[in-house]
């Protein structure tokens, strides 16, 4: 079973698949709970590598949604 989420592009050109719960719309305090909350083309913030990279902790990084998958 595939998890829904987004394919995003960060400001430095890096790309990442982001699952629901690790992406939020710009200005939002809480992560999106569904793909409908952050549409294709939207400016967003993603938690890098789901917060598992200890260099970044729970930091959020600006990105743009380039694909939505369900």
PDB file of N, CA and C in Angstrom:
ATOM      1  N   UNK A   1       0.839  -1.191   0.000  1.00  0.00           N
ATOM      2  CA  UNK A   1       0.000   0.000   0.000  1.00  0.00           C
ATOM      3  C   UNK A   1       0.882   1.251   0.000  1.00  0.00           C
ATOM      4  N   UNK A   2       0.645   2.124  -0.945  1.00  0.00           N
ATOM      5  CA  UNK A   2       1.451   3.337  -1.079  1.00  0.00           C
ATOM      6  C   UNK A   2       0.880   4.454  -0.215  1.00  0.00           C
ATOM      7  N   UNK A   3       1.759   5.192   0.443  1.00  0.00           N
ATOM      8  CA  UNK A   3       1.346   6.314   1.273  1.00  0.00           C
ATOM      9  C   UNK A   3       1.169   7.551   0.396  1.00  0.00           C
ATOM     10  N   UNK A   4       0.171   8.359   0.695  1.00  0.00           N
ATOM     11  CA  UNK A   4      -0.022   9.585  -0.081  1.00  0.00           C
ATOM     12  C   UNK A   4       0.960  10.653   0.381  1.00  0.00           C
ATOM     13  N   UNK A   5       1.227  11.604  -0.507  1.00  0.00           N
ATOM     14  CA  UNK A   5       2.148  12.667  -0.163  1.00  0.00           C
ATOM     15  C   UNK A   5       2.465  13.553  -1.346  1.00  0.00           C
ATOM     16  N   UNK A   6       3.668  14.133  -1.329  1.00  0.00           N
ATOM     17  CA  UNK A   6       4.058  15.116  -2.332  1.00  0.00           C
ATOM     18  C   UNK A   6       5.490  14.863  -2.792  1.00  0.00           C
ATOM     19  N   UNK A   7       5.772  15.298  -3.989  1.00  0.00           N
ATOM     20  CA  UNK A   7       7.142  15.370  -4.476  1.00  0.00           C
ATOM     21  C   UNK A   7       7.466  16.848  -4.453  1.00  0.00           C
ATOM     22  N   UNK A   8       8.518  17.237  -3.753  1.00  0.00           N
ATOM     23  CA  UNK A   8       8.818  18.658  -3.592  1.00  0.00           C
ATOM     24  C   UNK A   8      10.215  18.991  -4.086  1.00  0.00           C
ATOM     25  N   UNK A   9      10.409  20.269  -4.409  1.00  0.00           N
ATOM     26  CA  UNK A   9      11.720  20.782  -4.822  1.00  0.00           C
ATOM     27  C   UNK A   9      12.128  21.883  -3.846  1.00  0.00           C
ATOM     28  N   UNK A  10      13.300  21.716  -3.246  1.00  0.00           N
ATOM     29  CA  UNK A  10      13.803  22.699  -2.296  1.00  0.00           C
ATOM     30  C   UNK A  10      14.486  23.845  -3.027  1.00  0.00           C
ATOM     31  N   UNK A  11      14.775  24.934  -2.295  1.00  0.00           N
ATOM     32  CA  UNK A  11      15.373  26.123  -2.897  1.00  0.00           C
ATOM     33  C   UNK A  11      16.745  25.848  -3.509  1.00  0.00           C
ATOM     34  N   UNK A  12      17.462  24.850  -2.983  1.00  0.00           N
ATOM     35  CA  UNK A  12      18.790  24.546  -3.524  1.00  0.00           C
ATOM     36  C   UNK A  12      18.730  23.581  -4.705  1.00  0.00           C
ATOM     37  N   UNK A  13      17.500  23.215  -5.131  1.00  0.00           N
ATOM     38  CA  UNK A  13      17.329  22.336  -6.272  1.00  0.00           C
ATOM     39  C   UNK A  13      17.148  20.873  -5.914  1.00  0.00           C
ATOM     40  N   UNK A  14      17.397  20.506  -4.657  1.00  0.00           N
ATOM     41  CA  UNK A  14      17.203  19.123  -4.219  1.00  0.00           C
ATOM     42  C   UNK A  14      15.721  18.772  -4.256  1.00  0.00           C
ATOM     43  N   UNK A  15      15.432  17.508  -4.497  1.00  0.00           N
ATOM     44  CA  UNK A  15      14.042  17.047  -4.517  1.00  0.00           C
ATOM     45  C   UNK A  15      13.860  15.913  -3.509  1.00  0.00           C
ATOM     46  N   UNK A  16      12.612  15.728  -3.078  1.00  0.00           N
ATOM     47  CA  UNK A  16      12.341  14.694  -2.085  1.00  0.00           C
ATOM     48  C   UNK A  16      10.870  14.295  -2.141  1.00  0.00           C
ATOM     49  N   UNK A  17      10.604  13.039  -1.876  1.00  0.00           N
ATOM     50  CA  UNK A  17       9.235  12.567  -1.667  1.00  0.00           C
ATOM     51  C   UNK A  17       8.905  12.805  -0.205  1.00  0.00           C
ATOM     52  N   UNK A  18       7.788  13.463   0.055  1.00  0.00           N
ATOM     53  CA  UNK A  18       7.406  13.808   1.423  1.00  0.00           C
ATOM     54  C   UNK A  18       6.055  13.194   1.738  1.00  0.00           C
ATOM     55  N   UNK A  19       5.977  12.424   2.810  1.00  0.00           N
ATOM     56  CA  UNK A  19       4.724  11.799   3.206  1.00  0.00           C
ATOM     57  C   UNK A  19       3.838  12.775   3.975  1.00  0.00           C
ATOM     58  N   UNK A  20       2.546  12.485   3.996  1.00  0.00           N
ATOM     59  CA  UNK A  20       1.606  13.271   4.799  1.00  0.00           C
ATOM     60  C   UNK A  20       2.098  13.283   6.242  1.00  0.00           C
ATOM     61  N   UNK A  21       2.086  14.456   6.861  1.00  0.00           N
ATOM     62  CA  UNK A  21       2.576  14.609   8.222  1.00  0.00           C
ATOM     63  C   UNK A  21       3.934  15.262   8.295  1.00  0.00           C
ATOM     64  N   UNK A  22       4.602  15.405   7.132  1.00  0.00           N
ATOM     65  CA  UNK A  22       5.932  16.011   7.111  1.00  0.00           C
ATOM     66  C   UNK A  22       5.996  17.194   6.153  1.00  0.00           C
ATOM     67  N   UNK A  23       4.826  17.734   5.796  1.00  0.00           N
ATOM     68  CA  UNK A  23       4.758  18.907   4.928  1.00  0.00           C
ATOM     69  C   UNK A  23       3.671  19.824   5.458  1.00  0.00           C
ATOM     70  N   UNK A  24       3.908  21.116   5.380  1.00  0.00           N
ATOM     71  CA  UNK A  24       2.887  22.085   5.782  1.00  0.00           C
ATOM     72  C   UNK A  24       2.895  23.246   4.799  1.00  0.00           C
ATOM     73  N   UNK A  25       1.748  23.875   4.647  1.00  0.00           N
ATOM     74  CA  UNK A  25       1.646  25.048   3.793  1.00  0.00           C
ATOM     75  C   UNK A  25       2.411  26.195   4.438  1.00  0.00           C
ATOM     76  N   UNK A  26       2.921  27.105   3.633  1.00  0.00           N
ATOM     77  CA  UNK A  26       3.634  28.266   4.172  1.00  0.00           C
ATOM     78  C   UNK A  26       2.683  29.044   5.080  1.00  0.00           C
ATOM     79  N   UNK A  27       3.144  29.365   6.271  1.00  0.00           N
ATOM     80  CA  UNK A  27       2.333  30.095   7.238  1.00  0.00           C
ATOM     81  C   UNK A  27       1.555  29.205   8.190  1.00  0.00           C
ATOM     82  N   UNK A  28       1.477  27.911   7.893  1.00  0.00           N
ATOM     83  CA  UNK A  28       0.750  26.990   8.762  1.00  0.00           C
ATOM     84  C   UNK A  28       1.661  26.521   9.897  1.00  0.00           C
ATOM     85  N   UNK A  29       1.081  26.301  11.056  1.00  0.00           N
ATOM     86  CA  UNK A  29       1.863  25.825  12.201  1.00  0.00           C
ATOM     87  C   UNK A  29       1.918  24.311  12.254  1.00  0.00           C
ATOM     88  N   UNK A  30       0.890  23.647  11.741  1.00  0.00           N
ATOM     89  CA  UNK A  30       0.803  22.191  11.839  1.00  0.00           C
ATOM     90  C   UNK A  30       0.987  21.525  10.476  1.00  0.00           C
ATOM     91  N   UNK A  31       1.541  20.323  10.462  1.00  0.00           N
ATOM     92  CA  UNK A  31       1.684  19.576   9.205  1.00  0.00           C
ATOM     93  C   UNK A  31       0.324  19.261   8.587  1.00  0.00           C
ATOM     94  N   UNK A  32       0.290  19.177   7.265  1.00  0.00           N
ATOM     95  CA  UNK A  32      -0.937  18.813   6.555  1.00  0.00           C
ATOM     96  C   UNK A  32      -1.318  17.378   6.896  1.00  0.00           C
ATOM     97  N   UNK A  33      -2.601  17.137   7.042  1.00  0.00           N
ATOM     98  CA  UNK A  33      -3.091  15.796   7.350  1.00  0.00           C
ATOM     99  C   UNK A  33      -3.602  15.074   6.114  1.00  0.00           C
ATOM    100  N   UNK A  34      -3.704  15.792   4.989  1.00  0.00           N
ATOM    101  CA  UNK A  34      -4.133  15.175   3.736  1.00  0.00           C
ATOM    102  C   UNK A  34      -3.512  15.925   2.569  1.00  0.00           C
ATOM    103  N   UNK A  35      -3.448  15.264   1.406  1.00  0.00           N
ATOM    104  CA  UNK A  35      -2.826  15.891   0.242  1.00  0.00           C
ATOM    105  C   UNK A  35      -3.616  17.097  -0.251  1.00  0.00           C
ATOM    106  N   UNK A  36      -4.909  17.153   0.059  1.00  0.00           N
ATOM    107  CA  UNK A  36      -5.730  18.280  -0.394  1.00  0.00           C
ATOM    108  C   UNK A  36      -5.335  19.594   0.275  1.00  0.00           C
ATOM    109  N   UNK A  37      -4.642  19.515   1.408  1.00  0.00           N
ATOM    110  CA  UNK A  37      -4.307  20.726   2.153  1.00  0.00           C
ATOM    111  C   UNK A  37      -3.169  21.523   1.527  1.00  0.00           C
ATOM    112  N   UNK A  38      -2.326  20.883   0.740  1.00  0.00           N
ATOM    113  CA  UNK A  38      -1.212  21.573   0.072  1.00  0.00           C
ATOM    114  C   UNK A  38      -1.230  21.168  -1.396  1.00  0.00           C
ATOM    115  N   UNK A  39      -1.778  22.010  -2.264  1.00  0.00           N
ATOM    116  CA  UNK A  39      -1.958  21.636  -3.672  1.00  0.00           C
ATOM    117  C   UNK A  39      -0.691  21.710  -4.508  1.00  0.00           C
ATOM    118  N   UNK A  40      -0.763  21.126  -5.681  1.00  0.00           N
ATOM    119  CA  UNK A  40       0.315  21.174  -6.655  1.00  0.00           C
ATOM    120  C   UNK A  40       0.689  22.627  -6.936  1.00  0.00           C
ATOM    121  N   UNK A  41       1.978  22.916  -6.950  1.00  0.00           N
ATOM    122  CA  UNK A  41       2.466  24.261  -7.239  1.00  0.00           C
ATOM    123  C   UNK A  41       2.549  25.173  -6.040  1.00  0.00           C
ATOM    124  N   UNK A  42       2.077  24.721  -4.889  1.00  0.00           N
ATOM    125  CA  UNK A  42       2.057  25.564  -3.700  1.00  0.00           C
ATOM    126  C   UNK A  42       3.438  25.699  -3.076  1.00  0.00           C
ATOM    127  N   UNK A  43       3.679  26.855  -2.479  1.00  0.00           N
ATOM    128  CA  UNK A  43       4.863  27.031  -1.652  1.00  0.00           C
ATOM    129  C   UNK A  43       4.588  26.331  -0.330  1.00  0.00           C
ATOM    130  N   UNK A  44       5.559  25.592   0.165  1.00  0.00           N
ATOM    131  CA  UNK A  44       5.359  24.806   1.371  1.00  0.00           C
ATOM    132  C   UNK A  44       6.660  24.712   2.155  1.00  0.00           C
ATOM    133  N   UNK A  45       6.596  24.003   3.267  1.00  0.00           N
ATOM    134  CA  UNK A  45       7.769  23.725   4.074  1.00  0.00           C
ATOM    135  C   UNK A  45       7.769  22.233   4.392  1.00  0.00           C
ATOM    136  N   UNK A  46       8.916  21.595   4.232  1.00  0.00           N
ATOM    137  CA  UNK A  46       9.020  20.165   4.503  1.00  0.00           C
ATOM    138  C   UNK A  46      10.038  19.920   5.605  1.00  0.00           C
ATOM    139  N   UNK A  47       9.769  18.880   6.388  1.00  0.00           N
ATOM    140  CA  UNK A  47      10.730  18.489   7.409  1.00  0.00           C
ATOM    141  C   UNK A  47      11.750  17.571   6.742  1.00  0.00           C
ATOM    142  N   UNK A  48      13.001  17.984   6.682  1.00  0.00           N
ATOM    143  CA  UNK A  48      14.035  17.265   5.943  1.00  0.00           C
ATOM    144  C   UNK A  48      14.170  15.836   6.432  1.00  0.00           C
ATOM    145  N   UNK A  49      14.082  14.892   5.511  1.00  0.00           N
ATOM    146  CA  UNK A  49      14.230  13.479   5.808  1.00  0.00           C
ATOM    147  C   UNK A  49      13.400  13.056   7.020  1.00  0.00           C
ATOM    148  N   UNK A  50      12.210  13.629   7.113  1.00  0.00           N
ATOM    149  CA  UNK A  50      11.276  13.288   8.188  1.00  0.00           C
ATOM    150  C   UNK A  50      11.881  13.512   9.568  1.00  0.00           C
ATOM    151  N   UNK A  51      12.824  14.446   9.670  1.00  0.00           N
ATOM    152  CA  UNK A  51      13.406  14.768  10.970  1.00  0.00           C
ATOM    153  C   UNK A  51      14.408  13.747  11.478  1.00  0.00           C
ATOM    154  N   UNK A  52      14.816  12.788  10.644  1.00  0.00           N
ATOM    155  CA  UNK A  52      15.736  11.755  11.114  1.00  0.00           C
ATOM    156  C   UNK A  52      17.201  12.163  10.987  1.00  0.00           C
ATOM    157  N   UNK A  53      17.482  13.194  10.203  1.00  0.00           N
ATOM    158  CA  UNK A  53      18.856  13.653  10.060  1.00  0.00           C
ATOM    159  C   UNK A  53      19.179  14.554  11.246  1.00  0.00           C
ATOM    160  N   UNK A  54      20.022  14.080  12.139  1.00  0.00           N
ATOM    161  CA  UNK A  54      20.292  14.787  13.393  1.00  0.00           C
ATOM    162  C   UNK A  54      20.940  16.154  13.190  1.00  0.00           C
ATOM    163  N   UNK A  55      21.518  16.392  11.999  1.00  0.00           N
ATOM    164  CA  UNK A  55      22.098  17.719  11.743  1.00  0.00           C
ATOM    165  C   UNK A  55      21.019  18.789  11.710  1.00  0.00           C
ATOM    166  N   UNK A  56      19.803  18.408  11.341  1.00  0.00           N
ATOM    167  CA  UNK A  56      18.734  19.382  11.164  1.00  0.00           C
ATOM    168  C   UNK A  56      17.675  19.318  12.254  1.00  0.00           C
ATOM    169  N   UNK A  57      17.640  18.251  13.037  1.00  0.00           N
ATOM    170  CA  UNK A  57      16.618  18.137  14.079  1.00  0.00           C
ATOM    171  C   UNK A  57      15.226  18.167  13.477  1.00  0.00           C
ATOM    172  N   UNK A  58      14.367  19.003  14.024  1.00  0.00           N
ATOM    173  CA  UNK A  58      12.992  19.107  13.544  1.00  0.00           C
ATOM    174  C   UNK A  58      12.786  20.349  12.678  1.00  0.00           C
ATOM    175  N   UNK A  59      13.849  20.813  12.007  1.00  0.00           N
ATOM    176  CA  UNK A  59      13.770  22.027  11.195  1.00  0.00           C
ATOM    177  C   UNK A  59      12.884  21.818   9.973  1.00  0.00           C
ATOM    178  N   UNK A  60      12.265  22.900   9.518  1.00  0.00           N
ATOM    179  CA  UNK A  60      11.437  22.900   8.314  1.00  0.00           C
ATOM    180  C   UNK A  60      12.150  23.714   7.243  1.00  0.00           C
ATOM    181  N   UNK A  61      12.084  23.251   5.987  1.00  0.00           N
ATOM    182  CA  UNK A  61      12.786  23.908   4.897  1.00  0.00           C
ATOM    183  C   UNK A  61      11.817  24.299   3.782  1.00  0.00           C
ATOM    184  N   UNK A  62      11.945  25.530   3.249  1.00  0.00           N
ATOM    185  CA  UNK A  62      11.057  25.989   2.171  1.00  0.00           C
ATOM    186  C   UNK A  62      11.192  25.116   0.930  1.00  0.00           C
ATOM    187  N   UNK A  63      10.079  24.883   0.258  1.00  0.00           N
ATOM    188  CA  UNK A  63      10.074  24.077  -0.957  1.00  0.00           C
ATOM    189  C   UNK A  63       8.833  24.416  -1.777  1.00  0.00           C
ATOM    190  N   UNK A  64       8.734  23.815  -2.950  1.00  0.00           N
ATOM    191  CA  UNK A  64       7.558  23.978  -3.803  1.00  0.00           C
ATOM    192  C   UNK A  64       7.063  22.591  -4.194  1.00  0.00           C
ATOM    193  N   UNK A  65       5.750  22.398  -4.135  1.00  0.00           N
ATOM    194  CA  UNK A  65       5.160  21.113  -4.482  1.00  0.00           C
ATOM    195  C   UNK A  65       5.173  20.958  -6.007  1.00  0.00           C
ATOM    196  N   UNK A  66       5.819  19.889  -6.504  1.00  0.00           N
ATOM    197  CA  UNK A  66       5.893  19.669  -7.948  1.00  0.00           C
ATOM    198  C   UNK A  66       5.035  18.498  -8.408  1.00  0.00           C
ATOM    199  N   UNK A  67       4.592  17.674  -7.463  1.00  0.00           N
ATOM    200  CA  UNK A  67       3.728  16.542  -7.801  1.00  0.00           C
ATOM    201  C   UNK A  67       2.970  16.104  -6.550  1.00  0.00           C
ATOM    202  N   UNK A  68       1.723  15.712  -6.718  1.00  0.00           N
ATOM    203  CA  UNK A  68       0.916  15.186  -5.619  1.00  0.00           C
ATOM    204  C   UNK A  68       0.596  13.740  -5.951  1.00  0.00           C
ATOM    205  N   UNK A  69       0.847  12.835  -5.018  1.00  0.00           N
ATOM    206  CA  UNK A  69       0.513  11.429  -5.279  1.00  0.00           C
ATOM    207  C   UNK A  69      -0.380  10.885  -4.167  1.00  0.00           C
ATOM    208  N   UNK A  70      -1.275   9.987  -4.563  1.00  0.00           N
ATOM    209  CA  UNK A  70      -2.221   9.398  -3.610  1.00  0.00           C
ATOM    210  C   UNK A  70      -2.147   7.895  -3.635  1.00  0.00           C
TER     211      UNK A  70
END
